[in-house]
């Protein structure tokens, strides 16, 4: 089956982000590195990919360069962020970790921005998730509509919480980071089923409401 534009774009962005994160990890571990040294630490990436990523990271002020031969090092802000991420990872006991995309489109740019900012705020405040990273992309025009997305890396305790995330936050794409296998206790399985039932009833109620409103509108138009 042919991949959609969204799926292709997601995979492309994911690969770029993963390479940037790997470069940042090596700089965090080693302090300063030349471009050639970075390439040796990341043999799966081509020289061009590493060079492009370094230029991009410089533009975003994620890294700095100094000396001759030129060596790269992390900005203080990114060092602090990676340190916080390390602390989060070490204290996080949740077995499920995912990367999610929450995408939205609208013909009203301001409403789109406010709506996505509200979702972002709610996600950050949701106590059941451990947030590693979350960001709201710039609004762009695609297919004659304003479009943007939230990307988040987070963890949760069980499948029920993951289903809650997918349904109530409108997840449009998900990539499971861990675990390789998931063993469900019966209590978690039961709770997950209740979550699915709530989701199903929510859809059914919404469809019934829309049908009722359409019927009332049809009667008004036929008078």
N, C-alpha and C. Protein backbone atom coordinates (compact mmCIF):
# COMPACT_ATOMS: atom_id res chain seq x y z
N UNK A 1 0.84 -1.19 0.00
CA UNK A 1 0.00 0.00 0.00
C UNK A 1 0.89 1.25 0.00
N UNK A 2 0.55 2.20 -0.86
CA UNK A 2 1.35 3.41 -1.00
C UNK A 2 1.23 4.29 0.24
N UNK A 3 2.37 4.84 0.69
CA UNK A 3 2.38 5.69 1.87
C UNK A 3 1.75 7.04 1.55
N UNK A 4 1.04 7.60 2.52
CA UNK A 4 0.45 8.92 2.37
C UNK A 4 1.54 9.98 2.54
N UNK A 5 1.20 11.21 2.15
CA UNK A 5 2.13 12.34 2.33
C UNK A 5 2.49 12.50 3.80
N UNK A 6 1.49 12.36 4.67
CA UNK A 6 1.72 12.52 6.11
C UNK A 6 2.69 11.46 6.62
N UNK A 7 2.52 10.21 6.20
CA UNK A 7 3.39 9.13 6.64
C UNK A 7 4.82 9.33 6.13
N UNK A 8 4.95 9.74 4.87
CA UNK A 8 6.27 10.00 4.31
C UNK A 8 6.97 11.14 5.05
N UNK A 9 6.21 12.20 5.31
CA UNK A 9 6.76 13.36 6.00
C UNK A 9 7.15 13.02 7.43
N UNK A 10 6.32 12.19 8.08
CA UNK A 10 6.60 11.78 9.46
C UNK A 10 7.90 10.97 9.52
N UNK A 11 8.07 10.03 8.59
CA UNK A 11 9.27 9.20 8.58
C UNK A 11 10.52 10.04 8.30
N UNK A 12 10.38 10.98 7.36
CA UNK A 12 11.51 11.85 7.03
C UNK A 12 11.91 12.71 8.22
N UNK A 13 10.92 13.33 8.87
CA UNK A 13 11.20 14.18 10.04
C UNK A 13 11.77 13.36 11.19
N UNK A 14 11.25 12.14 11.35
CA UNK A 14 11.72 11.26 12.42
C UNK A 14 13.20 10.91 12.23
N UNK A 15 13.59 10.61 10.98
CA UNK A 15 14.98 10.28 10.69
C UNK A 15 15.91 11.46 10.96
N UNK A 16 15.45 12.67 10.59
CA UNK A 16 16.24 13.88 10.83
C UNK A 16 16.42 14.12 12.32
N UNK A 17 15.32 13.98 13.07
CA UNK A 17 15.37 14.21 14.51
C UNK A 17 16.25 13.18 15.20
N UNK A 18 16.14 11.92 14.77
CA UNK A 18 16.95 10.86 15.38
C UNK A 18 18.44 11.09 15.16
N UNK A 19 18.81 11.58 13.96
CA UNK A 19 20.22 11.86 13.70
C UNK A 19 20.70 13.04 14.54
N UNK A 20 19.87 14.07 14.65
CA UNK A 20 20.24 15.21 15.50
C UNK A 20 20.43 14.77 16.95
N UNK A 21 19.53 13.91 17.42
CA UNK A 21 19.63 13.43 18.79
C UNK A 21 20.88 12.59 19.01
N UNK A 22 21.25 11.80 18.00
CA UNK A 22 22.46 10.98 18.12
C UNK A 22 23.70 11.85 18.14
N UNK A 23 23.73 12.90 17.31
CA UNK A 23 24.86 13.84 17.33
C UNK A 23 24.94 14.53 18.69
N UNK A 24 23.80 14.97 19.19
CA UNK A 24 23.76 15.64 20.50
C UNK A 24 24.25 14.70 21.60
N UNK A 25 23.86 13.43 21.51
CA UNK A 25 24.27 12.44 22.51
C UNK A 25 25.79 12.27 22.50
N UNK A 26 26.38 12.20 21.29
CA UNK A 26 27.83 12.03 21.20
C UNK A 26 28.57 13.26 21.71
N UNK A 27 28.03 14.45 21.41
CA UNK A 27 28.66 15.68 21.90
C UNK A 27 28.51 15.80 23.42
N UNK A 28 27.39 15.35 23.95
CA UNK A 28 27.16 15.38 25.40
C UNK A 28 28.14 14.46 26.11
N UNK A 29 28.41 13.32 25.46
CA UNK A 29 29.29 12.31 26.05
C UNK A 29 30.77 12.70 25.92
N UNK A 30 31.14 13.29 24.78
CA UNK A 30 32.55 13.52 24.49
C UNK A 30 33.00 14.97 24.62
N UNK A 31 32.07 15.90 24.77
CA UNK A 31 32.43 17.31 24.92
C UNK A 31 32.51 18.02 23.60
N UNK A 32 33.65 17.92 22.91
CA UNK A 32 33.80 18.54 21.59
C UNK A 32 34.28 17.48 20.60
N UNK A 33 33.79 17.59 19.35
CA UNK A 33 34.16 16.65 18.30
C UNK A 33 34.24 17.36 16.96
N UNK A 34 35.15 16.90 16.11
CA UNK A 34 35.19 17.39 14.73
C UNK A 34 34.10 16.66 13.94
N UNK A 35 33.83 17.16 12.74
CA UNK A 35 32.83 16.52 11.89
C UNK A 35 33.24 15.08 11.56
N UNK A 36 34.54 14.87 11.32
CA UNK A 36 35.02 13.53 11.00
C UNK A 36 34.85 12.59 12.19
N UNK A 37 35.09 13.10 13.39
CA UNK A 37 34.94 12.27 14.60
C UNK A 37 33.47 11.91 14.82
N UNK A 38 32.58 12.86 14.57
CA UNK A 38 31.15 12.59 14.72
C UNK A 38 30.73 11.50 13.75
N UNK A 39 31.21 11.58 12.52
CA UNK A 39 30.87 10.59 11.51
C UNK A 39 31.33 9.19 11.94
N UNK A 40 32.48 9.08 12.58
CA UNK A 40 32.98 7.78 13.04
C UNK A 40 32.08 7.19 14.12
N UNK A 41 31.52 8.06 14.95
CA UNK A 41 30.63 7.60 16.02
C UNK A 41 29.26 7.19 15.48
N UNK A 42 28.90 7.69 14.27
CA UNK A 42 27.59 7.39 13.69
C UNK A 42 27.80 6.80 12.30
N UNK A 43 28.29 5.58 12.20
CA UNK A 43 28.65 5.00 10.89
C UNK A 43 27.48 4.76 9.96
N UNK A 44 26.27 4.67 10.50
CA UNK A 44 25.10 4.41 9.65
C UNK A 44 24.64 5.64 8.86
N UNK A 45 25.11 6.80 9.27
CA UNK A 45 24.73 8.05 8.57
C UNK A 45 25.78 8.39 7.53
N UNK A 46 25.36 8.93 6.40
CA UNK A 46 26.30 9.34 5.36
C UNK A 46 26.97 10.65 5.78
N UNK A 47 28.08 10.95 5.12
CA UNK A 47 28.81 12.19 5.40
C UNK A 47 27.91 13.40 5.12
N UNK A 48 27.13 13.32 4.04
CA UNK A 48 26.23 14.42 3.67
C UNK A 48 25.15 14.63 4.73
N UNK A 49 24.59 13.52 5.25
CA UNK A 49 23.55 13.62 6.28
C UNK A 49 24.08 14.26 7.55
N UNK A 50 25.30 13.88 7.94
CA UNK A 50 25.92 14.46 9.14
C UNK A 50 26.18 15.95 8.92
N UNK A 51 26.73 16.30 7.74
CA UNK A 51 27.02 17.70 7.44
C UNK A 51 25.76 18.55 7.44
N UNK A 52 24.70 18.04 6.82
CA UNK A 52 23.42 18.77 6.78
C UNK A 52 22.85 18.94 8.18
N UNK A 53 22.94 17.90 8.99
CA UNK A 53 22.42 17.97 10.36
C UNK A 53 23.20 18.99 11.19
N UNK A 54 24.51 19.01 11.04
CA UNK A 54 25.33 19.98 11.78
C UNK A 54 24.98 21.41 11.38
N UNK A 55 24.80 21.65 10.08
CA UNK A 55 24.41 22.99 9.63
C UNK A 55 23.05 23.37 10.21
N UNK A 56 22.12 22.43 10.19
CA UNK A 56 20.79 22.67 10.73
C UNK A 56 20.83 22.95 12.22
N UNK A 57 21.65 22.20 12.94
CA UNK A 57 21.76 22.39 14.40
C UNK A 57 22.43 23.72 14.74
N UNK A 58 23.34 24.17 13.88
CA UNK A 58 23.95 25.49 14.08
C UNK A 58 22.93 26.60 13.88
N UNK A 59 22.11 26.46 12.83
CA UNK A 59 21.06 27.44 12.55
C UNK A 59 20.06 27.52 13.69
N UNK A 60 19.75 26.37 14.29
CA UNK A 60 18.79 26.32 15.40
C UNK A 60 19.44 26.67 16.74
N UNK A 61 20.76 26.93 16.71
CA UNK A 61 21.53 27.27 17.92
C UNK A 61 21.51 26.15 18.95
N UNK A 62 21.48 24.91 18.44
CA UNK A 62 21.56 23.74 19.32
C UNK A 62 23.02 23.43 19.65
N UNK A 63 23.91 23.79 18.73
CA UNK A 63 25.34 23.55 18.92
C UNK A 63 26.12 24.81 18.57
N UNK A 64 27.41 24.80 18.95
CA UNK A 64 28.33 25.88 18.60
C UNK A 64 29.58 25.25 17.98
N UNK A 65 30.38 26.07 17.30
CA UNK A 65 31.65 25.57 16.78
C UNK A 65 32.77 26.50 17.20
N UNK A 66 33.97 25.91 17.32
CA UNK A 66 35.10 26.71 17.78
C UNK A 66 36.41 26.09 17.28
N UNK A 67 37.48 26.89 17.26
CA UNK A 67 38.82 26.42 16.98
C UNK A 67 39.09 26.03 15.55
N UNK A 68 40.31 25.54 15.34
CA UNK A 68 40.72 25.00 14.04
C UNK A 68 41.68 23.85 14.29
N UNK A 69 41.39 22.65 13.78
CA UNK A 69 40.20 22.34 12.96
C UNK A 69 38.93 22.54 13.77
N UNK A 70 37.87 22.85 13.04
CA UNK A 70 36.60 23.19 13.68
C UNK A 70 36.07 22.02 14.51
N UNK A 71 35.72 22.33 15.76
CA UNK A 71 35.09 21.33 16.63
C UNK A 71 33.72 21.85 17.06
N UNK A 72 32.80 20.92 17.24
CA UNK A 72 31.42 21.26 17.61
C UNK A 72 31.17 20.89 19.07
N UNK A 73 30.34 21.70 19.72
CA UNK A 73 29.94 21.43 21.10
C UNK A 73 28.51 21.88 21.31
N UNK A 74 27.88 21.31 22.30
CA UNK A 74 26.48 21.63 22.58
C UNK A 74 26.34 23.01 23.21
N UNK A 75 25.22 23.68 22.93
CA UNK A 75 24.91 24.93 23.62
C UNK A 75 24.56 24.60 25.07
N UNK A 76 24.69 25.58 25.95
CA UNK A 76 24.41 25.36 27.37
C UNK A 76 22.95 24.94 27.59
N UNK A 77 22.07 25.54 26.80
CA UNK A 77 20.64 25.22 26.93
C UNK A 77 20.38 23.75 26.62
N UNK A 78 21.01 23.23 25.57
CA UNK A 78 20.81 21.84 25.19
C UNK A 78 21.47 20.90 26.20
N UNK A 79 22.63 21.29 26.73
CA UNK A 79 23.26 20.49 27.78
C UNK A 79 22.33 20.32 28.96
N UNK A 80 21.69 21.41 29.35
CA UNK A 80 20.76 21.37 30.47
C UNK A 80 19.56 20.50 30.15
N UNK A 81 19.07 20.61 28.92
CA UNK A 81 17.92 19.82 28.50
C UNK A 81 18.25 18.33 28.49
N UNK A 82 19.43 17.97 28.00
CA UNK A 82 19.84 16.57 27.97
C UNK A 82 20.05 16.03 29.38
N UNK A 83 20.55 16.89 30.26
CA UNK A 83 20.72 16.48 31.65
C UNK A 83 19.37 16.19 32.30
N UNK A 84 18.39 17.07 32.03
CA UNK A 84 17.04 16.86 32.56
C UNK A 84 16.42 15.57 31.98
N UNK A 85 16.66 15.36 30.69
CA UNK A 85 16.14 14.16 30.03
C UNK A 85 16.73 12.90 30.66
N UNK A 86 18.04 12.96 30.96
CA UNK A 86 18.71 11.83 31.60
C UNK A 86 18.10 11.55 32.97
N UNK A 87 17.86 12.61 33.73
CA UNK A 87 17.25 12.45 35.06
C UNK A 87 15.84 11.87 34.95
N UNK A 88 15.09 12.35 33.92
CA UNK A 88 13.74 11.83 33.71
C UNK A 88 13.79 10.34 33.37
N UNK A 89 14.71 9.96 32.49
CA UNK A 89 14.83 8.56 32.08
C UNK A 89 15.19 7.67 33.26
N UNK A 90 16.10 8.15 34.12
CA UNK A 90 16.55 7.34 35.25
C UNK A 90 15.46 7.16 36.31
N UNK A 91 14.57 8.15 36.43
CA UNK A 91 13.51 8.08 37.44
C UNK A 91 12.21 7.49 36.90
N UNK A 92 12.10 7.35 35.58
CA UNK A 92 10.87 6.88 34.96
C UNK A 92 10.77 5.35 35.04
N UNK A 93 9.74 4.86 35.70
CA UNK A 93 9.53 3.42 35.85
C UNK A 93 8.44 2.89 34.92
N UNK A 94 7.86 3.75 34.11
CA UNK A 94 6.78 3.32 33.22
C UNK A 94 7.30 2.35 32.15
N UNK A 95 6.56 1.26 31.89
CA UNK A 95 7.03 0.25 30.93
C UNK A 95 6.77 0.61 29.46
N UNK A 96 5.85 1.57 29.21
CA UNK A 96 5.47 1.91 27.83
C UNK A 96 5.98 3.30 27.49
N UNK A 97 6.70 3.38 26.37
CA UNK A 97 7.23 4.67 25.91
C UNK A 97 6.94 4.81 24.43
N UNK A 98 6.40 5.95 24.03
CA UNK A 98 5.99 6.15 22.64
C UNK A 98 6.36 7.55 22.16
N UNK A 99 6.40 7.67 20.84
CA UNK A 99 6.50 8.97 20.19
C UNK A 99 5.20 9.16 19.42
N UNK A 100 4.50 10.26 19.65
CA UNK A 100 3.21 10.46 19.01
C UNK A 100 3.16 11.78 18.25
N UNK A 101 2.31 11.79 17.24
CA UNK A 101 2.01 13.00 16.47
C UNK A 101 0.52 13.29 16.62
N UNK A 102 0.19 14.53 16.94
CA UNK A 102 -1.20 14.99 17.01
C UNK A 102 -1.32 16.09 15.95
N UNK A 103 -1.95 15.75 14.85
CA UNK A 103 -2.01 16.67 13.71
C UNK A 103 -3.40 17.31 13.61
N UNK A 104 -3.43 18.54 13.15
CA UNK A 104 -4.71 19.21 12.98
C UNK A 104 -4.64 20.19 11.81
N UNK A 105 -5.79 20.38 11.14
CA UNK A 105 -5.90 21.32 10.03
C UNK A 105 -7.14 22.18 10.21
N UNK A 106 -7.10 23.38 9.62
CA UNK A 106 -8.24 24.29 9.72
C UNK A 106 -8.12 25.37 8.66
N UNK A 107 -9.25 25.96 8.32
CA UNK A 107 -9.20 27.12 7.42
C UNK A 107 -9.09 28.43 8.21
N UNK A 108 -9.04 28.31 9.55
CA UNK A 108 -8.90 29.47 10.43
C UNK A 108 -7.58 29.33 11.20
N UNK A 109 -6.59 30.12 10.85
CA UNK A 109 -5.25 29.99 11.45
C UNK A 109 -5.26 30.26 12.95
N UNK A 110 -5.99 31.27 13.38
CA UNK A 110 -5.99 31.65 14.79
C UNK A 110 -6.67 30.58 15.65
N UNK A 111 -7.80 30.06 15.17
CA UNK A 111 -8.49 29.00 15.92
C UNK A 111 -7.63 27.75 15.99
N UNK A 112 -6.93 27.46 14.90
CA UNK A 112 -6.03 26.30 14.88
C UNK A 112 -4.94 26.47 15.93
N UNK A 113 -4.33 27.64 15.95
CA UNK A 113 -3.25 27.89 16.91
C UNK A 113 -3.73 27.77 18.35
N UNK A 114 -4.87 28.40 18.65
CA UNK A 114 -5.41 28.37 20.02
C UNK A 114 -5.80 26.95 20.42
N UNK A 115 -6.41 26.21 19.47
CA UNK A 115 -6.83 24.84 19.76
C UNK A 115 -5.64 23.93 20.06
N UNK A 116 -4.59 24.05 19.26
CA UNK A 116 -3.42 23.20 19.46
C UNK A 116 -2.64 23.60 20.72
N UNK A 117 -2.61 24.89 21.02
CA UNK A 117 -1.97 25.33 22.26
C UNK A 117 -2.71 24.79 23.48
N UNK A 118 -4.04 24.70 23.38
CA UNK A 118 -4.84 24.13 24.47
C UNK A 118 -4.54 22.65 24.66
N UNK A 119 -4.42 21.92 23.54
CA UNK A 119 -4.08 20.49 23.60
C UNK A 119 -2.68 20.31 24.21
N UNK A 120 -1.74 21.15 23.77
CA UNK A 120 -0.38 21.08 24.28
C UNK A 120 -0.35 21.31 25.80
N UNK A 121 -1.10 22.28 26.26
CA UNK A 121 -1.16 22.60 27.70
C UNK A 121 -1.76 21.42 28.47
N UNK A 122 -2.84 20.85 27.95
CA UNK A 122 -3.48 19.71 28.62
C UNK A 122 -2.55 18.50 28.69
N UNK A 123 -1.80 18.27 27.63
CA UNK A 123 -0.87 17.14 27.61
C UNK A 123 0.23 17.32 28.65
N UNK A 124 0.77 18.54 28.73
CA UNK A 124 1.83 18.81 29.69
C UNK A 124 1.33 18.67 31.13
N UNK A 125 0.05 18.96 31.34
CA UNK A 125 -0.51 18.93 32.69
C UNK A 125 -1.07 17.56 33.08
N UNK A 126 -1.13 16.64 32.12
CA UNK A 126 -1.69 15.30 32.41
C UNK A 126 -0.71 14.53 33.30
N UNK A 127 -1.12 14.26 34.53
CA UNK A 127 -0.22 13.65 35.52
C UNK A 127 0.11 12.19 35.23
N UNK A 128 -0.70 11.53 34.41
CA UNK A 128 -0.48 10.10 34.19
C UNK A 128 0.63 9.82 33.18
N UNK A 129 1.15 10.88 32.52
CA UNK A 129 2.20 10.68 31.53
C UNK A 129 3.51 11.33 31.99
N UNK A 130 4.61 10.67 31.69
CA UNK A 130 5.93 11.26 31.90
C UNK A 130 6.39 11.82 30.56
N UNK A 131 6.54 13.13 30.49
CA UNK A 131 6.87 13.80 29.23
C UNK A 131 8.39 13.96 29.12
N UNK A 132 8.96 13.39 28.06
CA UNK A 132 10.38 13.56 27.77
C UNK A 132 10.60 14.80 26.92
N UNK A 133 9.76 14.96 25.94
CA UNK A 133 9.90 16.11 25.03
C UNK A 133 8.56 16.34 24.35
N UNK A 134 8.18 17.59 24.18
CA UNK A 134 6.94 17.90 23.48
C UNK A 134 7.08 19.28 22.84
N UNK A 135 6.62 19.38 21.61
CA UNK A 135 6.73 20.67 20.92
C UNK A 135 5.62 20.82 19.88
N UNK A 136 5.29 22.07 19.63
CA UNK A 136 4.26 22.41 18.64
C UNK A 136 4.95 22.99 17.42
N UNK A 137 4.71 22.39 16.25
CA UNK A 137 5.36 22.82 15.01
C UNK A 137 4.76 24.14 14.52
N UNK A 138 5.50 24.82 13.68
CA UNK A 138 4.99 26.04 13.06
C UNK A 138 3.80 25.71 12.15
N UNK A 139 2.89 26.65 12.03
CA UNK A 139 1.74 26.45 11.15
C UNK A 139 2.15 26.69 9.71
N UNK A 140 1.79 25.74 8.84
CA UNK A 140 2.09 25.86 7.41
C UNK A 140 0.79 25.67 6.62
N UNK A 141 0.83 25.96 5.34
CA UNK A 141 -0.34 25.75 4.48
C UNK A 141 -0.12 24.47 3.67
N UNK A 142 -1.08 23.54 3.76
CA UNK A 142 -1.01 22.29 3.01
C UNK A 142 -2.41 21.93 2.53
N UNK A 143 -2.53 21.63 1.25
CA UNK A 143 -3.84 21.32 0.64
C UNK A 143 -4.86 22.44 0.90
N UNK A 144 -4.38 23.69 0.79
CA UNK A 144 -5.23 24.89 0.94
C UNK A 144 -5.80 25.05 2.35
N UNK A 145 -5.20 24.39 3.33
CA UNK A 145 -5.61 24.53 4.71
C UNK A 145 -4.40 24.83 5.59
N UNK A 146 -4.62 25.52 6.71
CA UNK A 146 -3.56 25.71 7.69
C UNK A 146 -3.36 24.39 8.42
N UNK A 147 -2.11 24.02 8.63
CA UNK A 147 -1.81 22.73 9.21
C UNK A 147 -0.66 22.84 10.21
N UNK A 148 -0.75 22.07 11.29
CA UNK A 148 0.34 21.99 12.25
C UNK A 148 0.21 20.68 13.02
N UNK A 149 1.19 20.41 13.87
CA UNK A 149 1.13 19.18 14.65
C UNK A 149 1.92 19.34 15.95
N UNK A 150 1.54 18.52 16.91
CA UNK A 150 2.29 18.40 18.16
C UNK A 150 3.04 17.08 18.10
N UNK A 151 4.32 17.12 18.43
CA UNK A 151 5.10 15.88 18.53
C UNK A 151 5.53 15.71 19.97
N UNK A 152 5.32 14.52 20.52
CA UNK A 152 5.65 14.29 21.92
C UNK A 152 6.27 12.91 22.11
N UNK A 153 7.26 12.87 22.95
CA UNK A 153 7.83 11.60 23.41
C UNK A 153 7.49 11.47 24.88
N UNK A 154 6.81 10.40 25.24
CA UNK A 154 6.33 10.25 26.62
C UNK A 154 6.19 8.79 26.99
N UNK A 155 5.97 8.56 28.27
CA UNK A 155 5.76 7.19 28.74
C UNK A 155 4.49 7.14 29.59
N UNK A 156 3.96 5.93 29.73
CA UNK A 156 2.78 5.74 30.57
C UNK A 156 2.85 4.36 31.24
N UNK A 157 1.96 4.17 32.21
CA UNK A 157 2.03 2.98 33.06
C UNK A 157 1.45 1.74 32.41
N UNK A 158 0.37 1.91 31.62
CA UNK A 158 -0.31 0.73 31.10
C UNK A 158 -1.02 1.03 29.78
N UNK A 159 -1.61 -0.02 29.22
CA UNK A 159 -2.28 0.09 27.92
C UNK A 159 -3.50 1.00 28.00
N UNK A 160 -4.21 0.96 29.10
CA UNK A 160 -5.39 1.81 29.26
C UNK A 160 -5.03 3.29 29.14
N UNK A 161 -3.93 3.69 29.77
CA UNK A 161 -3.49 5.09 29.69
C UNK A 161 -3.07 5.44 28.26
N UNK A 162 -2.50 4.48 27.55
CA UNK A 162 -2.10 4.72 26.16
C UNK A 162 -3.33 4.91 25.27
N UNK A 163 -4.35 4.09 25.47
CA UNK A 163 -5.60 4.23 24.72
C UNK A 163 -6.27 5.57 25.03
N UNK A 164 -6.20 5.97 26.29
CA UNK A 164 -6.75 7.27 26.70
C UNK A 164 -6.04 8.39 25.95
N UNK A 165 -4.73 8.29 25.84
CA UNK A 165 -3.94 9.29 25.11
C UNK A 165 -4.38 9.37 23.65
N UNK A 166 -4.50 8.20 23.01
CA UNK A 166 -4.85 8.15 21.59
C UNK A 166 -6.22 8.77 21.33
N UNK A 167 -7.19 8.44 22.18
CA UNK A 167 -8.57 8.89 21.95
C UNK A 167 -8.78 10.35 22.36
N UNK A 168 -8.41 10.68 23.59
CA UNK A 168 -8.76 11.99 24.11
C UNK A 168 -7.86 13.13 23.61
N UNK A 169 -6.67 12.78 23.12
CA UNK A 169 -5.79 13.81 22.58
C UNK A 169 -5.73 13.77 21.05
N UNK A 170 -6.47 12.85 20.44
CA UNK A 170 -6.56 12.82 18.98
C UNK A 170 -5.27 12.47 18.28
N UNK A 171 -4.55 11.46 18.80
CA UNK A 171 -3.29 11.05 18.19
C UNK A 171 -3.52 10.56 16.76
N UNK A 172 -2.72 11.05 15.83
CA UNK A 172 -2.87 10.65 14.42
C UNK A 172 -1.77 9.70 13.96
N UNK A 173 -0.67 9.64 14.72
CA UNK A 173 0.41 8.71 14.39
C UNK A 173 1.14 8.34 15.67
N UNK A 174 1.58 7.08 15.77
CA UNK A 174 2.26 6.63 16.99
C UNK A 174 3.39 5.68 16.64
N UNK A 175 4.50 5.83 17.34
CA UNK A 175 5.66 4.97 17.16
C UNK A 175 6.06 4.45 18.54
N UNK A 176 5.98 3.13 18.73
CA UNK A 176 6.30 2.53 20.02
C UNK A 176 7.81 2.40 20.17
N UNK A 177 8.36 3.01 21.21
CA UNK A 177 9.79 2.94 21.49
C UNK A 177 10.11 1.72 22.36
N UNK A 178 9.28 1.48 23.36
CA UNK A 178 9.39 0.30 24.19
C UNK A 178 8.02 -0.02 24.77
N UNK A 179 7.78 -1.28 25.14
CA UNK A 179 8.68 -2.43 25.19
C UNK A 179 8.64 -3.23 23.89
N UNK A 180 9.54 -4.21 23.78
CA UNK A 180 9.51 -5.12 22.64
C UNK A 180 8.29 -6.02 22.72
N UNK A 181 7.98 -6.46 23.94
CA UNK A 181 6.78 -7.26 24.19
C UNK A 181 6.07 -6.69 25.40
N UNK A 182 4.76 -6.88 25.44
CA UNK A 182 3.95 -6.33 26.54
C UNK A 182 3.11 -7.43 27.16
N UNK A 183 3.32 -7.68 28.44
CA UNK A 183 2.54 -8.67 29.18
C UNK A 183 1.49 -7.93 29.99
N UNK A 184 0.21 -8.28 29.78
CA UNK A 184 -0.88 -7.56 30.43
C UNK A 184 -1.46 -8.34 31.61
N UNK A 185 -1.47 -7.74 32.80
CA UNK A 185 -2.24 -8.35 33.89
C UNK A 185 -3.73 -8.20 33.57
N UNK A 186 -4.55 -9.06 34.14
CA UNK A 186 -5.98 -9.04 33.80
C UNK A 186 -6.63 -7.71 34.18
N UNK A 187 -6.15 -7.07 35.24
CA UNK A 187 -6.72 -5.79 35.65
C UNK A 187 -6.50 -4.72 34.58
N UNK A 188 -5.29 -4.71 33.99
CA UNK A 188 -4.98 -3.76 32.93
C UNK A 188 -5.79 -4.07 31.67
N UNK A 189 -5.92 -5.34 31.37
CA UNK A 189 -6.71 -5.77 30.22
C UNK A 189 -8.16 -5.33 30.38
N UNK A 190 -8.71 -5.54 31.58
CA UNK A 190 -10.10 -5.14 31.87
C UNK A 190 -10.27 -3.63 31.74
N UNK A 191 -9.33 -2.87 32.31
CA UNK A 191 -9.41 -1.42 32.26
C UNK A 191 -9.29 -0.91 30.82
N UNK A 192 -8.46 -1.57 30.03
CA UNK A 192 -8.31 -1.20 28.62
C UNK A 192 -9.60 -1.42 27.86
N UNK A 193 -10.29 -2.52 28.17
CA UNK A 193 -11.58 -2.80 27.52
C UNK A 193 -12.62 -1.74 27.89
N UNK A 194 -12.62 -1.32 29.16
CA UNK A 194 -13.55 -0.26 29.57
C UNK A 194 -13.25 1.05 28.83
N UNK A 195 -11.96 1.32 28.64
CA UNK A 195 -11.57 2.53 27.90
C UNK A 195 -12.08 2.47 26.47
N UNK A 196 -11.95 1.30 25.83
CA UNK A 196 -12.43 1.14 24.45
C UNK A 196 -13.95 1.29 24.40
N UNK A 197 -14.64 0.75 25.40
CA UNK A 197 -16.10 0.87 25.46
C UNK A 197 -16.50 2.35 25.57
N UNK A 198 -15.81 3.09 26.44
CA UNK A 198 -16.09 4.53 26.58
C UNK A 198 -15.87 5.27 25.27
N UNK A 199 -14.79 4.90 24.56
CA UNK A 199 -14.49 5.51 23.28
C UNK A 199 -15.59 5.22 22.27
N UNK A 200 -16.04 3.96 22.23
CA UNK A 200 -17.09 3.55 21.30
C UNK A 200 -18.38 4.29 21.57
N UNK A 201 -18.75 4.39 22.84
CA UNK A 201 -19.98 5.12 23.20
C UNK A 201 -19.84 6.60 22.89
N UNK A 202 -18.63 7.12 23.06
CA UNK A 202 -18.40 8.52 22.74
C UNK A 202 -18.65 8.80 21.27
N UNK A 203 -18.15 7.91 20.41
CA UNK A 203 -18.37 8.05 18.97
C UNK A 203 -19.86 7.91 18.65
N UNK A 204 -20.51 6.92 19.30
CA UNK A 204 -21.93 6.67 19.02
C UNK A 204 -22.77 7.88 19.43
N UNK A 205 -22.47 8.45 20.59
CA UNK A 205 -23.21 9.64 21.06
C UNK A 205 -23.00 10.82 20.11
N UNK A 206 -21.76 10.98 19.63
CA UNK A 206 -21.46 12.08 18.73
C UNK A 206 -22.21 11.92 17.41
N UNK A 207 -22.23 10.68 16.88
CA UNK A 207 -22.94 10.40 15.62
C UNK A 207 -24.44 10.63 15.79
N UNK A 208 -25.01 10.18 16.93
CA UNK A 208 -26.43 10.38 17.18
C UNK A 208 -26.77 11.87 17.26
N UNK A 209 -25.90 12.64 17.93
CA UNK A 209 -26.13 14.07 18.07
C UNK A 209 -26.09 14.76 16.71
N UNK A 210 -25.10 14.38 15.87
CA UNK A 210 -25.00 14.98 14.54
C UNK A 210 -26.20 14.63 13.67
N UNK A 211 -26.66 13.39 13.76
CA UNK A 211 -27.83 12.97 12.98
C UNK A 211 -29.07 13.75 13.41
N UNK A 212 -29.22 13.95 14.74
CA UNK A 212 -30.36 14.71 15.26
C UNK A 212 -30.33 16.15 14.79
N UNK A 213 -29.13 16.75 14.83
CA UNK A 213 -29.00 18.14 14.38
C UNK A 213 -29.28 18.26 12.89
N UNK A 214 -28.80 17.29 12.11
CA UNK A 214 -29.05 17.31 10.66
C UNK A 214 -30.53 17.14 10.34
N UNK A 215 -31.20 16.30 11.13
CA UNK A 215 -32.64 16.07 10.92
C UNK A 215 -33.43 17.33 11.23
N UNK A 216 -33.06 18.01 12.33
CA UNK A 216 -33.75 19.25 12.70
C UNK A 216 -33.54 20.33 11.62
N UNK A 217 -32.28 20.39 11.11
CA UNK A 217 -31.98 21.36 10.07
C UNK A 217 -32.76 21.07 8.80
N UNK A 218 -32.87 19.77 8.45
CA UNK A 218 -33.62 19.38 7.25
C UNK A 218 -35.08 19.77 7.37
N UNK A 219 -35.66 19.60 8.56
CA UNK A 219 -37.08 19.94 8.77
C UNK A 219 -37.29 21.45 8.64
N UNK A 220 -36.31 22.22 9.17
CA UNK A 220 -36.42 23.67 9.08
C UNK A 220 -36.36 24.14 7.62
N UNK A 221 -35.48 23.51 6.85
CA UNK A 221 -35.30 23.90 5.44
C UNK A 221 -36.50 23.52 4.59
N UNK A 222 -37.23 22.47 5.01
CA UNK A 222 -38.37 21.99 4.23
C UNK A 222 -39.68 22.68 4.59
N UNK A 223 -39.66 23.58 5.53
CA UNK A 223 -40.89 24.28 5.90
C UNK A 223 -41.31 25.27 4.83
